[in-house]
Amino acid sequence: MRLVSIVFLTFAMAACASSTPDSSADDGSEAQDGATAAPAAPTGNRTFADGVFRSRRDPAMTVRVDPSFEYIGADEFVLAQKAAVERHHWVQAEEGVVKAMIVFQFEGFLPGALGRYRFTIPKGDRISGSSYRYSPAPVSLGDQAYVHNTWAFDIDKSAADKPEAESAHTLRRLQDKGLSLGGGLIMSRYARAVGPGQRKEIILFYIEPLSRSGHTIDDFPDLSKASEAFDKLSAEVVQRGRAAFEVLGASAKAP
């Protein structure tokens, strides 16, 4: 794992949701024990057609996706025997090489699994580092506020460290589609807890290879301070990510 004063988790996040996370929460949230158990969201609640993604519940939302991205399907799996995960994927690719990717992740604790999700913005100098940067205030998408951050990470290492977690599932899906994506990546990530007791979460990702901007993961070493190079790259990726999809809200109708 990449560490910068905060525990960083694999593929799902740029830094964890608070300064004292539960490292078992691979999606990047802080999973807290002690909450009352409740069923996870049932499957079959989400569709994508005509460039519009719709979720009926947990949460209800409508998202318009840029037509240059191809939908390549969803994965459903149980994470760490605690949570049901559903991840939807879109890619921009040239000759089998992924140039950009969108992932929407819906997650909820299984019945009998104690815990809740929490996302907070780090304070002081923990708000940014050599390979991550948080937005200083919640970011509004549609009619909801999200905690946002960027993060540079190595997806191959993440998949090797946790072969049954999100990175590995995504790499297998890409490989099944004849697509390649590996090495250093950068993500722009929006996350929030959902529902009573914060038993569910939604995370929206925009992801690019670092090579697209002429960088490698070695350009952003662990345990280093924030750099102008990462800040510049972070701002560019956030801008491209905001153009890649648009959250319209819970009840909005796409034109």
Protein backbone atom coordinates (compact mmCIF):
# COMPACT_ATOMS: atom_id res chain seq x y z
CA MET A 1 0.00 0.00 0.00
CA ARG A 2 1.07 3.56 -0.58
CA LEU A 3 1.28 5.56 2.65
CA VAL A 4 1.40 9.32 3.17
CA SER A 5 0.62 9.85 6.86
CA ILE A 6 -2.77 8.25 6.14
CA VAL A 7 -3.41 4.60 5.30
CA PHE A 8 -4.04 4.30 1.58
CA LEU A 9 -6.15 1.48 0.27
CA THR A 10 -6.13 -0.24 -3.08
CA PHE A 11 -7.77 0.86 -6.32
CA ALA A 12 -10.83 2.43 -4.81
CA MET A 13 -9.29 5.55 -3.36
CA ALA A 14 -6.76 8.25 -3.41
CA ALA A 15 -6.47 8.33 0.31
CA CYS A 16 -8.76 6.94 2.88
CA ALA A 17 -11.78 8.70 4.20
CA SER A 18 -10.24 9.87 7.43
CA SER A 19 -6.93 9.93 9.26
CA THR A 20 -7.75 6.75 11.18
CA PRO A 21 -9.31 4.32 8.71
CA ASP A 22 -10.07 0.64 9.00
CA SER A 23 -7.61 -0.86 6.55
CA SER A 24 -10.03 -3.68 5.71
CA ALA A 25 -12.22 -1.25 3.76
CA ASP A 26 -10.64 -1.81 0.35
CA ASP A 27 -12.94 0.64 -1.41
CA GLY A 28 -11.42 3.56 0.40
CA SER A 29 -14.14 4.30 2.87
CA GLU A 30 -13.66 4.08 6.60
CA ALA A 31 -15.63 1.01 7.63
CA GLN A 32 -16.59 1.38 11.27
CA ASP A 33 -17.74 -1.53 13.40
CA GLY A 34 -20.61 -1.33 15.85
CA ALA A 35 -23.49 -0.29 13.59
CA THR A 36 -26.69 -2.35 13.36
CA ALA A 37 -26.64 -4.94 10.59
CA ALA A 38 -28.96 -4.39 7.60
CA PRO A 39 -29.41 -6.08 4.20
CA ALA A 40 -27.28 -4.93 1.29
CA ALA A 41 -28.97 -3.54 -1.82
CA PRO A 42 -30.49 -6.21 -4.08
CA THR A 43 -29.11 -6.57 -7.61
CA GLY A 44 -30.97 -5.60 -10.79
CA ASN A 45 -31.63 -2.01 -9.77
CA ARG A 46 -29.31 -0.35 -12.30
CA THR A 47 -29.38 0.08 -16.08
CA PHE A 48 -27.42 1.82 -18.82
CA ALA A 49 -29.02 2.74 -22.15
CA ASP A 50 -28.71 5.57 -24.68
CA GLY A 51 -25.82 7.12 -22.81
CA VAL A 52 -27.68 7.37 -19.51
CA PHE A 53 -27.02 5.34 -16.37
CA ARG A 54 -29.90 4.96 -13.90
CA SER A 55 -29.92 3.57 -10.39
CA ARG A 56 -33.33 2.99 -8.85
CA ARG A 57 -32.09 2.83 -5.27
CA ASP A 58 -29.13 2.93 -2.87
CA PRO A 59 -28.91 5.63 -4.10
CA ALA A 60 -31.46 6.65 -6.71
CA MET A 61 -29.57 8.65 -9.32
CA THR A 62 -29.27 9.45 -13.02
CA VAL A 63 -25.89 9.99 -14.69
CA ARG A 64 -25.17 11.00 -18.26
CA VAL A 65 -21.95 9.44 -19.64
CA ASP A 66 -19.92 10.97 -22.46
CA PRO A 67 -20.66 8.99 -25.66
CA SER A 68 -16.95 8.51 -26.37
CA PHE A 69 -16.90 5.97 -23.50
CA GLU A 70 -17.95 2.39 -24.21
CA TYR A 71 -19.85 0.49 -21.53
CA ILE A 72 -18.17 -2.87 -20.85
CA GLY A 73 -20.45 -4.20 -18.13
CA ALA A 74 -20.65 -4.72 -14.40
CA ASP A 75 -19.06 -6.98 -11.80
CA GLU A 76 -20.80 -8.16 -8.64
CA PHE A 77 -18.85 -9.80 -5.84
CA VAL A 78 -18.49 -10.04 -2.08
CA LEU A 79 -15.61 -8.09 -0.61
CA ALA A 80 -13.77 -9.47 2.43
CA GLN A 81 -16.85 -11.55 3.37
CA LYS A 82 -18.43 -8.31 4.63
CA ALA A 83 -19.87 -6.27 1.77
CA ALA A 84 -21.68 -6.73 -1.53
CA VAL A 85 -20.04 -4.76 -4.35
CA GLU A 86 -21.43 -3.79 -7.76
CA ARG A 87 -19.10 -1.98 -10.18
CA HIS A 88 -20.02 -0.59 -13.61
CA HIS A 89 -17.27 0.19 -16.16
CA TRP A 90 -16.83 2.42 -19.21
CA VAL A 91 -13.65 2.86 -21.25
CA GLN A 92 -12.07 5.00 -23.91
CA ALA A 93 -9.61 2.75 -25.75
CA GLU A 94 -7.38 2.78 -28.82
CA GLU A 95 -6.13 -0.48 -30.32
CA GLY A 96 -6.97 -2.34 -27.14
CA VAL A 97 -5.22 0.09 -24.80
CA VAL A 98 -7.37 1.93 -22.26
CA LYS A 99 -6.85 5.70 -22.37
CA ALA A 100 -9.48 6.58 -19.76
CA MET A 101 -12.00 4.69 -17.63
CA ILE A 102 -15.12 5.47 -15.61
CA VAL A 103 -16.21 3.22 -12.73
CA PHE A 104 -19.36 3.56 -10.61
CA GLN A 105 -19.21 1.51 -7.42
CA PHE A 106 -22.19 0.63 -5.23
CA GLU A 107 -21.44 -1.17 -1.99
CA GLY A 108 -23.30 -2.25 1.12
CA PHE A 109 -22.60 -4.34 4.19
CA LEU A 110 -24.03 -7.86 4.19
CA PRO A 111 -26.66 -8.93 6.74
CA GLY A 112 -24.86 -9.77 9.98
CA ALA A 113 -21.75 -7.78 9.07
CA LEU A 114 -21.29 -4.89 11.49
CA GLY A 115 -20.02 -1.58 10.22
CA ARG A 116 -20.77 1.71 8.52
CA TYR A 117 -19.08 3.94 5.94
CA ARG A 118 -17.68 7.36 6.67
CA PHE A 119 -15.96 9.85 4.39
CA THR A 120 -14.23 12.94 5.78
CA ILE A 121 -11.75 15.48 4.49
CA PRO A 122 -8.34 15.40 6.23
CA LYS A 123 -7.25 18.53 8.04
CA GLY A 124 -4.10 20.60 7.85
CA ASP A 125 -1.15 19.28 5.88
CA ARG A 126 -2.83 15.88 5.51
CA ILE A 127 -5.14 17.27 2.85
CA SER A 128 -2.49 16.63 0.19
CA GLY A 129 0.75 14.76 -0.38
CA SER A 130 3.10 13.54 -3.08
CA SER A 131 0.48 11.31 -4.74
CA TYR A 132 -2.91 12.55 -3.54
CA ARG A 133 -4.95 15.70 -3.07
CA TYR A 134 -8.33 16.25 -1.43
CA SER A 135 -10.72 18.99 -2.43
CA PRO A 136 -10.89 21.27 0.64
CA ALA A 137 -14.71 21.18 0.80
CA PRO A 138 -17.42 18.72 -0.28
CA VAL A 139 -18.17 18.79 -4.01
CA SER A 140 -21.75 18.91 -5.29
CA LEU A 141 -22.75 16.45 -8.01
CA GLY A 142 -26.42 16.56 -8.90
CA ASP A 143 -28.29 17.16 -5.65
CA GLN A 144 -25.74 15.55 -3.30
CA ALA A 145 -22.37 16.44 -1.74
CA TYR A 146 -19.38 14.13 -2.15
CA VAL A 147 -15.92 13.95 -0.63
CA HIS A 148 -13.48 14.26 -3.54
CA ASN A 149 -9.82 13.41 -3.98
CA THR A 150 -7.26 12.46 -6.60
CA TRP A 151 -4.64 9.74 -6.22
CA ALA A 152 -1.77 8.27 -8.23
CA PHE A 153 -1.38 4.52 -7.67
CA ASP A 154 -0.10 1.27 -9.21
CA ILE A 155 -3.04 -0.92 -10.18
CA ASP A 156 -0.87 -3.99 -10.78
CA LYS A 157 0.48 -3.80 -7.24
CA SER A 158 -3.01 -3.23 -5.86
CA ALA A 159 -4.31 -6.31 -7.68
CA ALA A 160 -1.36 -8.42 -6.53
CA ASP A 161 -1.76 -7.31 -2.92
CA LYS A 162 -5.50 -8.08 -2.86
CA PRO A 163 -6.39 -10.54 -5.66
CA GLU A 164 -10.08 -10.69 -4.67
CA ALA A 165 -10.62 -6.94 -4.31
CA GLU A 166 -11.61 -4.20 -6.76
CA SER A 167 -8.39 -3.73 -8.74
CA ALA A 168 -8.10 -7.40 -9.55
CA HIS A 169 -11.76 -7.69 -10.60
CA THR A 170 -11.41 -4.68 -12.90
CA LEU A 171 -8.22 -5.97 -14.51
CA ARG A 172 -9.86 -9.35 -15.17
CA ARG A 173 -12.87 -7.65 -16.77
CA LEU A 174 -10.61 -5.59 -19.01
CA GLN A 175 -8.59 -8.65 -19.99
CA ASP A 176 -11.78 -10.55 -20.81
CA LYS A 177 -12.67 -7.70 -23.18
CA GLY A 178 -9.24 -7.78 -24.81
CA LEU A 179 -8.22 -4.50 -23.19
CA SER A 180 -5.02 -3.59 -21.36
CA LEU A 181 -4.50 -1.18 -18.49
CA GLY A 182 -1.63 -1.45 -16.08
CA GLY A 183 1.06 0.23 -14.10
CA GLY A 184 0.67 3.75 -12.79
CA LEU A 185 -2.76 5.37 -12.88
CA ILE A 186 -4.38 8.49 -11.52
CA MET A 187 -7.97 8.68 -10.35
CA SER A 188 -10.44 11.40 -9.55
CA ARG A 189 -12.84 9.99 -6.97
CA TYR A 190 -16.18 11.15 -5.52
CA ALA A 191 -17.58 9.27 -2.52
CA ARG A 192 -20.41 9.46 0.01
CA ALA A 193 -22.23 7.22 2.45
CA VAL A 194 -25.82 6.24 1.63
CA GLY A 195 -28.93 5.42 3.63
CA PRO A 196 -29.84 4.92 7.29
CA GLY A 197 -26.88 4.08 9.47
CA GLN A 198 -24.44 4.77 6.61
CA ARG A 199 -24.61 1.09 5.71
CA LYS A 200 -24.08 1.68 1.99
CA GLU A 201 -21.87 3.84 -0.19
CA ILE A 202 -21.52 5.20 -3.71
CA ILE A 203 -18.15 6.00 -5.31
CA LEU A 204 -17.70 7.53 -8.76
CA PHE A 205 -14.27 7.23 -10.40
CA TYR A 206 -12.58 8.74 -13.42
CA ILE A 207 -9.22 7.05 -14.10
CA GLU A 208 -6.34 7.60 -16.53
CA PRO A 209 -2.92 6.02 -17.08
CA LEU A 210 -0.18 8.31 -15.84
CA SER A 211 1.59 7.71 -19.14
CA ARG A 212 -1.14 9.73 -20.90
CA SER A 213 0.36 12.83 -19.26
CA GLY A 214 3.97 11.74 -19.62
CA HIS A 215 4.37 10.51 -16.03
CA THR A 216 5.13 7.25 -14.22
CA ILE A 217 4.28 6.22 -10.66
CA ASP A 218 7.92 6.90 -9.73
CA ASP A 219 7.30 10.60 -10.31
CA PHE A 220 5.14 10.64 -7.17
CA PRO A 221 7.15 8.85 -4.45
CA ASP A 222 5.76 7.78 -1.09
CA LEU A 223 6.16 9.93 1.99
CA SER A 224 6.89 13.08 0.06
CA LYS A 225 5.24 16.47 0.19
CA ALA A 226 2.82 17.77 -2.41
CA SER A 227 4.46 18.91 -5.63
CA GLU A 228 3.56 21.37 -8.36
CA ALA A 229 3.76 18.53 -10.87
CA PHE A 230 1.10 16.48 -9.08
CA ASP A 231 -1.07 19.51 -8.39
CA LYS A 232 -1.04 20.43 -12.08
CA LEU A 233 -1.79 16.87 -13.18
CA SER A 234 -4.50 16.55 -10.55
CA ALA A 235 -6.30 19.66 -11.78
CA GLU A 236 -6.17 18.45 -15.39
CA VAL A 237 -7.55 15.02 -14.51
CA VAL A 238 -10.36 16.52 -12.43
CA GLN A 239 -11.37 18.69 -15.37
CA ARG A 240 -11.38 15.74 -17.80
CA GLY A 241 -13.29 13.64 -15.31
CA ARG A 242 -16.01 16.26 -14.88
CA ALA A 243 -16.45 16.23 -18.67
CA ALA A 244 -16.67 12.42 -18.77
CA PHE A 245 -19.90 12.10 -16.78
CA GLU A 246 -22.58 14.33 -15.30
CA VAL A 247 -24.71 13.43 -12.29
CA LEU A 248 -28.20 14.75 -12.98
CA GLY A 249 -29.75 13.88 -9.61
CA ALA A 250 -32.11 11.34 -8.12
CA SER A 251 -35.19 12.10 -10.19
CA ALA A 252 -33.79 14.03 -13.14
CA LYS A 253 -34.75 12.98 -16.65
CA ALA A 254 -31.93 12.98 -19.16
CA PRO A 255 -32.64 14.92 -22.34
